[in-house]
């Protein structure tokens, strides 16, 4: 089923634009409510949890959503600023009908968006989102219902303490005494959770991106910009560095030498260790087509297997549920440990890797060697529009040529971002030089097709 508004991870865009404004957000939320009611028992109580990140536009969007949902008959609980995985956990723990998160994840502060979690705290399927979009036709005036006082009927409650306690329990009490950790919370939703957990476990935490002002979320900090984290780890002689994105569902790490570990390395460390312990469910790791092919080699050598999905952590989660896997994620840093969280959780991922460090007595610089990456080049080009790739003559021709030239020694992946106006390019080859030349040809083709801004 085709979707007009939903991308890879919810709906997002510039705040104040045609999609992300108080009226549309309210319509979308009520459409989601109608979708849930369509499958629920008649007369069942509707209880919806709402969280948000630290963007200045978040509170206003949240208020618009709350007004509309209360007017539509839902019981709404406002959780305030809270990481996305904490909202998902709260939905699962409390048996709520839906979870709503006002966030644009790793996007800049000028953007915002909405993510939904269904019963059990799981992300919605493409089919679910398509049905919600169909319901939008009936919700044109949803944002006007209830009047300005309707938001006052919503209950305010925090799920922060429960989330912190559950994360802290993943490691033995005070087991990080003597650890110095640099933590970049991206001026986002994890500022009040991740540092608290690490300090309760005994770590000395050196913070970056820990002063949100509504406008600085992801501003040259966080998982998209690990350079400052790496430099600080070296300067402080820290054991490791941890970086989240704005809503806290991603994790990027930095070893004691200042080298950055992406999601592929994190997943391979966790999967190979679990395989050695005989506790990786179905001996299966689920990743996306974006992950380096070196992951497959490392997992096979450890006695496991890899399944791949299209890009998007919700597709990973769907495949995990279908195949009985408990570990999966993306190279971007989404790591899903489903025995702990129904969705990607940056804090859980970091604590799981720390547990491996403690169990093996090895630093990250040694653990990361389990993954030998195939030479790879990536690029993200800002584009004017997103026409079908097959309609781009130059790009299509170069892609065919490269596929033939690389054969089994490499691959080319070209796709549009599901959350930004970008074209993402990936090339793997037998050597870095080959991958670089291939990337140059792809970029030239994009320019020739007049696609790049």
Protein backbone atom coordinates (compact mmCIF):
# COMPACT_ATOMS: atom_id res chain seq x y z
CA UNK A 1 0.00 0.00 0.00
CA UNK A 2 1.42 3.35 -1.02
CA UNK A 3 1.90 6.08 1.57
CA UNK A 4 1.94 9.80 0.88
CA UNK A 5 3.04 11.25 4.21
CA UNK A 6 4.85 8.55 6.17
CA UNK A 7 8.52 7.97 5.46
CA UNK A 8 11.01 5.44 6.82
CA UNK A 9 10.33 6.47 10.40
CA UNK A 10 7.12 8.40 10.91
CA UNK A 11 6.21 11.74 9.36
CA UNK A 12 8.69 14.57 9.52
CA UNK A 13 9.64 17.81 7.83
CA UNK A 14 10.22 21.53 8.47
CA UNK A 15 8.12 22.87 11.34
CA UNK A 16 5.44 25.22 10.04
CA UNK A 17 5.41 23.53 6.65
CA UNK A 18 2.48 21.71 5.03
CA UNK A 19 3.08 18.50 7.03
CA UNK A 20 4.49 19.52 10.38
CA UNK A 21 2.12 22.03 11.89
CA UNK A 22 -0.41 21.91 14.71
CA UNK A 23 -3.43 21.29 12.48
CA UNK A 24 -1.96 18.45 10.44
CA UNK A 25 -0.36 16.84 13.49
CA UNK A 26 -3.72 16.81 15.23
CA UNK A 27 -5.46 15.34 12.18
CA UNK A 28 -2.82 12.65 11.90
CA UNK A 29 -3.12 11.71 15.57
CA UNK A 30 -6.89 11.38 15.38
CA UNK A 31 -6.53 9.33 12.19
CA UNK A 32 -4.22 7.00 14.13
CA UNK A 33 -6.80 6.80 16.90
CA UNK A 34 -9.49 5.82 14.37
CA UNK A 35 -7.15 3.16 12.98
CA UNK A 36 -6.70 1.65 16.44
CA UNK A 37 -10.43 1.75 17.13
CA UNK A 38 -11.02 -0.12 13.89
CA UNK A 39 -9.34 -3.21 15.33
CA UNK A 40 -10.21 -2.83 19.02
CA UNK A 41 -13.18 -4.20 20.89
CA UNK A 42 -16.16 -1.85 20.71
CA UNK A 43 -16.24 0.39 23.76
CA UNK A 44 -12.63 -0.37 24.75
CA UNK A 45 -10.91 2.43 26.64
CA UNK A 46 -8.41 4.36 24.54
CA UNK A 47 -5.28 5.35 26.45
CA UNK A 48 -2.56 7.18 24.53
CA UNK A 49 0.90 8.13 25.82
CA UNK A 50 2.65 11.16 24.33
CA UNK A 51 6.32 12.08 24.63
CA UNK A 52 8.56 14.55 22.81
CA UNK A 53 12.16 15.60 22.38
CA UNK A 54 13.66 19.00 23.23
CA UNK A 55 12.78 20.97 20.08
CA UNK A 56 11.21 24.37 20.65
CA UNK A 57 8.29 23.41 18.42
CA UNK A 58 7.54 20.24 20.35
CA UNK A 59 5.32 21.64 23.07
CA UNK A 60 3.01 23.45 20.66
CA UNK A 61 2.68 20.40 18.41
CA UNK A 62 2.03 18.23 21.45
CA UNK A 63 -0.72 20.58 22.66
CA UNK A 64 -2.45 20.45 19.29
CA UNK A 65 -2.33 16.67 19.28
CA UNK A 66 -3.62 16.42 22.85
CA UNK A 67 -6.55 18.76 22.22
CA UNK A 68 -7.69 16.74 19.23
CA UNK A 69 -7.31 13.35 20.92
CA UNK A 70 -9.13 14.41 24.07
CA UNK A 71 -11.94 15.86 21.97
CA UNK A 72 -12.11 12.55 20.11
CA UNK A 73 -12.66 10.68 23.38
CA UNK A 74 -9.20 9.35 24.18
CA UNK A 75 -7.58 9.31 27.60
CA UNK A 76 -4.25 11.04 27.04
CA UNK A 77 -1.14 10.91 29.23
CA UNK A 78 1.56 13.51 28.63
CA UNK A 79 5.00 12.13 29.44
CA UNK A 80 6.93 15.32 28.63
CA UNK A 81 10.49 15.20 27.29
CA UNK A 82 11.44 11.53 27.07
CA UNK A 83 13.55 9.33 24.77
CA UNK A 84 11.60 7.55 22.07
CA UNK A 85 12.48 4.06 23.43
CA UNK A 86 11.23 5.11 26.86
CA UNK A 87 7.86 5.95 25.35
CA UNK A 88 7.77 2.59 23.57
CA UNK A 89 8.65 0.83 26.81
CA UNK A 90 5.92 2.71 28.68
CA UNK A 91 3.33 1.69 26.07
CA UNK A 92 4.31 -1.94 26.52
CA UNK A 93 4.56 -1.78 30.32
CA UNK A 94 1.22 -0.05 30.85
CA UNK A 95 -0.78 -1.76 28.12
CA UNK A 96 -1.56 1.57 26.45
CA UNK A 97 -3.41 1.65 23.16
CA UNK A 98 -0.94 3.88 21.34
CA UNK A 99 2.25 5.83 21.82
CA UNK A 100 2.96 9.13 20.09
CA UNK A 101 6.37 10.79 20.00
CA UNK A 102 6.83 14.34 18.74
CA UNK A 103 10.34 14.19 17.31
CA UNK A 104 12.42 14.49 14.15
CA UNK A 105 15.10 12.17 15.53
CA UNK A 106 18.53 13.11 14.10
CA UNK A 107 17.17 15.97 11.93
CA UNK A 108 18.00 19.62 12.75
CA UNK A 109 15.93 21.71 15.18
CA UNK A 110 14.08 23.40 12.32
CA UNK A 111 12.38 20.05 11.61
CA UNK A 112 9.94 18.08 13.68
CA UNK A 113 7.79 15.02 13.21
CA UNK A 114 5.58 12.31 14.67
CA UNK A 115 6.25 8.64 15.36
CA UNK A 116 3.60 6.15 16.44
CA UNK A 117 3.83 2.97 18.49
CA UNK A 118 1.05 0.44 18.48
CA UNK A 119 0.02 -1.93 21.27
CA UNK A 120 3.05 -3.57 22.82
CA UNK A 121 5.22 -0.58 21.96
CA UNK A 122 5.98 -1.75 18.42
CA UNK A 123 6.25 0.51 15.39
CA UNK A 124 3.48 0.38 12.82
CA UNK A 125 3.68 -1.50 9.55
CA UNK A 126 3.46 0.08 6.11
CA UNK A 127 -0.10 -1.22 5.87
CA UNK A 128 -1.02 0.34 9.22
CA UNK A 129 0.36 3.70 8.14
CA UNK A 130 -1.45 3.54 4.81
CA UNK A 131 -4.74 2.94 6.62
CA UNK A 132 -4.05 5.90 8.91
CA UNK A 133 -3.52 8.07 5.84
CA UNK A 134 -6.87 6.90 4.47
CA UNK A 135 -8.47 8.00 7.73
CA UNK A 136 -7.07 11.51 7.24
CA UNK A 137 -9.81 12.19 4.71
CA UNK A 138 -12.33 12.01 7.55
CA UNK A 139 -10.38 14.12 10.02
CA UNK A 140 -10.13 17.50 8.27
CA UNK A 141 -11.53 19.40 11.24
CA UNK A 142 -10.06 17.26 14.01
CA UNK A 143 -7.73 19.97 15.29
CA UNK A 144 -10.62 22.32 15.95
CA UNK A 145 -12.42 20.00 18.33
CA UNK A 146 -12.34 20.36 22.08
CA UNK A 147 -11.44 24.03 22.36
CA UNK A 148 -8.41 25.55 24.05
CA UNK A 149 -9.14 23.98 27.42
CA UNK A 150 -9.26 20.39 26.19
CA UNK A 151 -5.53 19.90 26.73
CA UNK A 152 -6.09 20.51 30.42
CA UNK A 153 -8.00 17.23 30.58
CA UNK A 154 -4.89 15.26 29.75
CA UNK A 155 -3.03 13.58 32.57
CA UNK A 156 0.61 14.49 33.12
CA UNK A 157 2.84 11.68 34.30
CA UNK A 158 6.49 10.70 34.05
CA UNK A 159 7.83 7.39 32.79
CA UNK A 160 11.42 8.53 33.24
CA UNK A 161 12.05 6.84 36.59
CA UNK A 162 10.85 3.43 35.39
CA UNK A 163 12.98 3.69 32.25
CA UNK A 164 16.07 4.68 34.23
CA UNK A 165 15.55 1.82 36.70
CA UNK A 166 15.12 -0.76 33.95
CA UNK A 167 18.28 0.41 32.15
CA UNK A 168 20.32 0.51 35.37
CA UNK A 169 19.34 -3.10 36.06
CA UNK A 170 21.12 -4.29 32.90
CA UNK A 171 24.49 -4.12 34.71
CA UNK A 172 25.49 -5.12 38.24
CA UNK A 173 25.12 -2.36 40.84
CA UNK A 174 28.01 0.12 40.88
CA UNK A 175 29.86 -1.96 38.27
CA UNK A 176 31.14 1.15 36.46
CA UNK A 177 33.06 2.55 39.42
CA UNK A 178 36.42 3.63 38.05
CA UNK A 179 35.10 4.03 34.50
CA UNK A 180 35.42 7.41 32.80
CA UNK A 181 32.85 7.77 30.01
CA UNK A 182 32.28 10.63 27.58
CA UNK A 183 28.57 10.90 26.79
CA UNK A 184 27.08 13.01 23.97
CA UNK A 185 23.33 13.38 24.40
CA UNK A 186 22.87 15.59 21.30
CA UNK A 187 21.09 18.30 23.33
CA UNK A 188 18.12 16.00 23.05
CA UNK A 189 15.74 13.74 24.90
CA UNK A 190 18.38 11.59 26.63
CA UNK A 191 19.88 14.48 28.63
CA UNK A 192 17.83 13.47 31.66
CA UNK A 193 18.22 9.70 31.38
CA UNK A 194 21.50 8.31 30.01
CA UNK A 195 23.83 10.33 32.28
CA UNK A 196 21.71 9.45 35.30
CA UNK A 197 21.96 5.73 34.57
CA UNK A 198 25.72 5.79 33.99
CA UNK A 199 26.36 7.81 37.16
CA UNK A 200 24.15 5.54 39.27
CA UNK A 201 26.25 2.64 38.02
CA UNK A 202 29.31 4.45 39.31
CA UNK A 203 30.81 5.94 36.14
CA UNK A 204 32.44 9.33 35.92
CA UNK A 205 30.49 10.95 33.11
CA UNK A 206 31.89 13.78 30.99
CA UNK A 207 29.02 15.35 29.11
CA UNK A 208 28.74 16.78 25.62
CA UNK A 209 25.58 18.12 24.02
CA UNK A 210 23.95 18.26 27.44
CA UNK A 211 22.52 21.80 27.43
CA UNK A 212 19.31 21.75 25.34
CA UNK A 213 17.78 25.14 24.61
CA UNK A 214 15.15 24.12 22.07
CA UNK A 215 17.26 25.20 19.12
CA UNK A 216 20.51 23.23 19.47
CA UNK A 217 19.32 19.63 19.22
CA UNK A 218 21.72 17.68 16.93
CA UNK A 219 23.62 20.91 16.22
CA UNK A 220 27.08 19.48 15.38
CA UNK A 221 26.70 17.04 18.27
CA UNK A 222 25.27 13.56 18.70
CA UNK A 223 25.53 10.38 16.68
CA UNK A 224 25.67 12.22 13.35
CA UNK A 225 28.71 14.24 14.45
CA UNK A 226 31.03 12.00 16.51
CA UNK A 227 34.22 14.04 15.91
CA UNK A 228 33.99 16.04 19.14
CA UNK A 229 33.20 12.86 21.07
CA UNK A 230 36.29 11.11 19.71
CA UNK A 231 38.56 14.05 20.52
CA UNK A 232 37.19 14.32 24.06
CA UNK A 233 37.63 10.60 24.73
CA UNK A 234 41.31 10.86 23.87
CA UNK A 235 41.81 14.11 25.79
CA UNK A 236 40.13 12.73 28.92
CA UNK A 237 41.69 9.26 28.60
CA UNK A 238 38.19 7.83 28.88
CA UNK A 239 37.29 4.14 28.67
CA UNK A 240 34.82 4.82 25.86
CA UNK A 241 32.52 7.41 24.33
CA UNK A 242 28.76 7.12 23.73
CA UNK A 243 26.68 9.29 21.39
CA UNK A 244 22.91 9.34 20.93
CA UNK A 245 20.75 11.16 18.42
CA UNK A 246 18.08 13.70 19.38
CA UNK A 247 15.42 11.21 20.44
CA UNK A 248 17.73 8.54 21.84
CA UNK A 249 17.02 5.53 19.66
CA UNK A 250 20.55 5.49 18.19
CA UNK A 251 23.95 4.69 19.60
CA UNK A 252 27.39 5.35 18.17
CA UNK A 253 30.45 4.42 20.25
CA UNK A 254 34.07 5.55 20.40
CA UNK A 255 36.88 3.34 21.68
CA UNK A 256 39.64 4.47 24.02
CA UNK A 257 41.88 5.40 21.07
CA UNK A 258 39.32 7.77 19.56
CA UNK A 259 38.14 5.42 16.79
CA UNK A 260 34.38 5.54 16.10
CA UNK A 261 32.24 2.39 16.02
CA UNK A 262 29.02 2.46 14.00
CA UNK A 263 25.97 0.25 14.30
CA UNK A 264 27.49 -2.56 12.25
CA UNK A 265 30.39 -2.88 14.67
CA UNK A 266 28.13 -2.71 17.72
CA UNK A 267 25.81 -5.38 16.32
CA UNK A 268 28.71 -7.65 15.34
CA UNK A 269 30.27 -7.39 18.80
CA UNK A 270 26.98 -8.26 20.48
CA UNK A 271 26.07 -11.03 18.04
CA UNK A 272 29.43 -12.82 18.02
CA UNK A 273 29.67 -12.69 21.82
CA UNK A 274 26.13 -14.07 22.13
CA UNK A 275 26.98 -16.83 19.66
CA UNK A 276 30.01 -17.83 21.75
CA UNK A 277 27.75 -17.99 24.80
CA UNK A 278 25.16 -19.99 22.89
CA UNK A 279 22.46 -17.42 23.55
CA UNK A 280 21.78 -15.67 20.24
CA UNK A 281 18.17 -16.55 19.46
CA UNK A 282 17.89 -18.60 16.28
CA UNK A 283 21.63 -17.89 15.81
CA UNK A 284 20.33 -14.97 13.76
CA UNK A 285 21.27 -11.30 13.39
CA UNK A 286 18.91 -9.08 11.39
CA UNK A 287 20.38 -6.07 9.56
CA UNK A 288 19.45 -3.95 6.54
CA UNK A 289 20.82 -3.80 3.02
CA UNK A 290 22.85 -0.79 4.18
CA UNK A 291 25.06 -2.85 6.49
CA UNK A 292 28.58 -3.72 5.39
CA UNK A 293 28.99 -7.19 3.91
CA UNK A 294 31.78 -7.81 6.38
CA UNK A 295 29.02 -8.32 8.97
CA UNK A 296 27.83 -11.43 7.14
CA UNK A 297 31.37 -12.84 7.04
CA UNK A 298 31.97 -12.26 10.76
CA UNK A 299 28.66 -13.80 11.80
CA UNK A 300 29.12 -16.85 9.57
CA UNK A 301 32.58 -17.43 11.03
CA UNK A 302 31.08 -17.32 14.51
CA UNK A 303 28.50 -19.94 13.55
CA UNK A 304 25.51 -17.68 12.98
CA UNK A 305 23.56 -16.30 10.07
CA UNK A 306 22.39 -12.90 8.85
CA UNK A 307 19.04 -11.81 7.45
CA UNK A 308 18.70 -8.49 5.62
CA UNK A 309 15.75 -6.15 5.22
CA UNK A 310 15.13 -2.86 3.49
CA UNK A 311 16.38 0.25 5.29
CA UNK A 312 14.40 1.18 8.40
CA UNK A 313 14.59 -0.17 11.93
CA UNK A 314 10.90 -1.05 11.91
CA UNK A 315 11.51 -3.46 9.02
CA UNK A 316 14.29 -4.99 11.09
CA UNK A 317 11.92 -5.34 14.04
CA UNK A 318 9.24 -6.93 11.86
CA UNK A 319 11.71 -9.51 10.54
CA UNK A 320 12.98 -10.20 14.05
CA UNK A 321 9.46 -10.93 15.27
CA UNK A 322 8.73 -13.12 12.25
CA UNK A 323 11.92 -15.18 12.60
CA UNK A 324 12.20 -15.30 16.38
CA UNK A 325 15.39 -13.20 16.48
CA UNK A 326 16.21 -10.98 19.46
CA UNK A 327 19.04 -8.87 18.01
CA UNK A 328 19.03 -6.62 14.98
CA UNK A 329 19.59 -3.09 13.79
CA UNK A 330 21.13 -0.70 11.35
CA UNK A 331 24.58 0.69 10.57
CA UNK A 332 23.22 4.13 11.56
CA UNK A 333 23.17 3.01 15.20
CA UNK A 334 19.65 1.67 15.69
CA UNK A 335 20.20 -1.43 17.80
CA UNK A 336 17.19 -3.52 18.86
CA UNK A 337 17.62 -5.89 21.80
CA UNK A 338 14.05 -7.12 21.86
CA UNK A 339 14.36 -8.99 25.15
CA UNK A 340 14.79 -5.53 26.71
CA UNK A 341 13.08 -3.04 24.39
CA UNK A 342 10.53 -3.32 21.57
CA UNK A 343 12.41 -0.71 19.53
CA UNK A 344 15.91 0.66 19.00
CA UNK A 345 17.39 2.01 22.22
CA UNK A 346 20.72 3.84 22.25
CA UNK A 347 21.25 3.51 25.99
CA UNK A 348 20.45 -0.20 26.04
CA UNK A 349 22.88 -0.77 23.15
CA UNK A 350 25.69 1.03 24.99
CA UNK A 351 25.07 -0.89 28.21
CA UNK A 352 25.00 -4.21 26.33
CA UNK A 353 28.42 -3.48 24.80
CA UNK A 354 29.78 -2.43 28.19
CA UNK A 355 28.57 -5.77 29.55
CA UNK A 356 30.65 -7.53 26.89
CA UNK A 357 33.66 -5.41 27.81
CA UNK A 358 33.24 -6.40 31.44
CA UNK A 359 32.71 -10.09 30.70
CA UNK A 360 35.70 -10.39 28.38
CA UNK A 361 38.01 -7.88 30.07
CA UNK A 362 38.75 -6.47 26.62
CA UNK A 363 38.64 -2.81 25.55
CA UNK A 364 36.55 -1.69 22.61
CA UNK A 365 39.64 -1.33 20.45
CA UNK A 366 40.09 -5.12 20.68
CA UNK A 367 36.42 -6.13 20.56
CA UNK A 368 35.85 -4.16 17.36
CA UNK A 369 38.36 -6.34 15.48
CA UNK A 370 35.73 -9.03 15.12
CA UNK A 371 34.37 -7.05 12.16
CA UNK A 372 36.62 -6.55 9.15
CA UNK A 373 34.68 -4.24 6.87
CA UNK A 374 34.66 -4.50 3.12
CA UNK A 375 36.04 -1.27 1.59
CA UNK A 376 33.05 1.04 1.41
CA UNK A 377 32.18 4.58 0.37
CA UNK A 378 28.96 6.37 1.27
CA UNK A 379 27.49 9.75 0.43
CA UNK A 380 24.26 11.64 1.09
CA UNK A 381 23.42 14.24 -1.56
CA UNK A 382 20.71 16.84 -1.01
CA UNK A 383 18.23 16.70 -3.88
CA UNK A 384 15.53 18.93 -5.36
CA UNK A 385 12.98 16.14 -5.77
CA UNK A 386 12.67 12.36 -5.62
CA UNK A 387 11.78 11.09 -9.12
CA UNK A 388 11.90 7.32 -9.68
CA UNK A 389 15.52 6.22 -9.95
CA UNK A 390 14.72 4.35 -13.16
CA UNK A 391 13.79 7.67 -14.78
CA UNK A 392 17.30 9.10 -14.22
CA UNK A 393 19.13 8.15 -17.40
CA UNK A 394 22.72 8.90 -16.39
CA UNK A 395 22.45 7.41 -12.90
CA UNK A 396 20.70 4.27 -14.11
CA UNK A 397 23.35 3.72 -16.76
CA UNK A 398 26.25 4.11 -14.30
CA UNK A 399 24.57 1.79 -11.80
CA UNK A 400 24.26 -0.93 -14.45
CA UNK A 401 27.87 -0.46 -15.53
CA UNK A 402 29.17 -0.67 -11.97
CA UNK A 403 27.10 -3.73 -11.14
CA UNK A 404 28.64 -5.52 -14.12
CA UNK A 405 32.18 -4.34 -13.36
CA UNK A 406 32.10 -5.16 -9.65
CA UNK A 407 30.37 -8.51 -10.00
CA UNK A 408 30.64 -10.54 -6.81
CA UNK A 409 33.50 -8.37 -5.51
CA UNK A 410 31.27 -5.44 -4.61
CA UNK A 411 27.87 -3.85 -4.77
CA UNK A 412 26.08 -0.54 -5.38
CA UNK A 413 23.11 0.69 -3.35
CA UNK A 414 21.26 3.87 -4.31
CA UNK A 415 18.14 4.99 -2.48
CA UNK A 416 16.29 8.07 -1.35
CA UNK A 417 16.27 8.88 2.34
CA UNK A 418 12.92 8.17 3.92
CA UNK A 419 13.27 11.11 6.33
CA UNK A 420 15.15 13.84 4.44
CA UNK A 421 15.44 15.31 0.94
CA UNK A 422 18.57 13.31 0.24
CA UNK A 423 19.84 10.64 -2.13
CA UNK A 424 22.00 8.08 -0.35
CA UNK A 425 24.78 6.32 -2.24
CA UNK A 426 26.77 3.28 -1.13
CA UNK A 427 29.55 1.43 -2.94
CA UNK A 428 31.55 -1.57 -1.76
CA UNK A 429 34.47 -2.90 -3.74
CA UNK A 430 37.57 -5.09 -3.53
CA UNK A 431 39.70 -2.05 -2.63
CA UNK A 432 39.01 1.43 -1.32
CA UNK A 433 40.40 2.94 -4.51
CA UNK A 434 37.88 1.01 -6.60
CA UNK A 435 35.04 2.10 -4.31
CA UNK A 436 36.17 5.74 -4.46
CA UNK A 437 36.27 5.75 -8.26
CA UNK A 438 32.84 4.17 -8.40
CA UNK A 439 31.47 6.77 -6.00
CA UNK A 440 32.89 9.59 -8.15
CA UNK A 441 31.07 8.17 -11.17
CA UNK A 442 27.79 7.94 -9.27
CA UNK A 443 28.06 11.54 -8.06
CA UNK A 444 28.84 12.77 -11.57
CA UNK A 445 25.77 10.95 -12.88
CA UNK A 446 23.56 12.58 -10.24
CA UNK A 447 24.85 15.99 -11.34
CA UNK A 448 24.31 15.11 -15.00
CA UNK A 449 20.69 14.22 -14.24
CA UNK A 450 20.20 17.62 -12.58
CA UNK A 451 19.05 16.07 -9.32
CA UNK A 452 21.47 17.53 -6.76
CA UNK A 453 20.69 20.87 -5.10
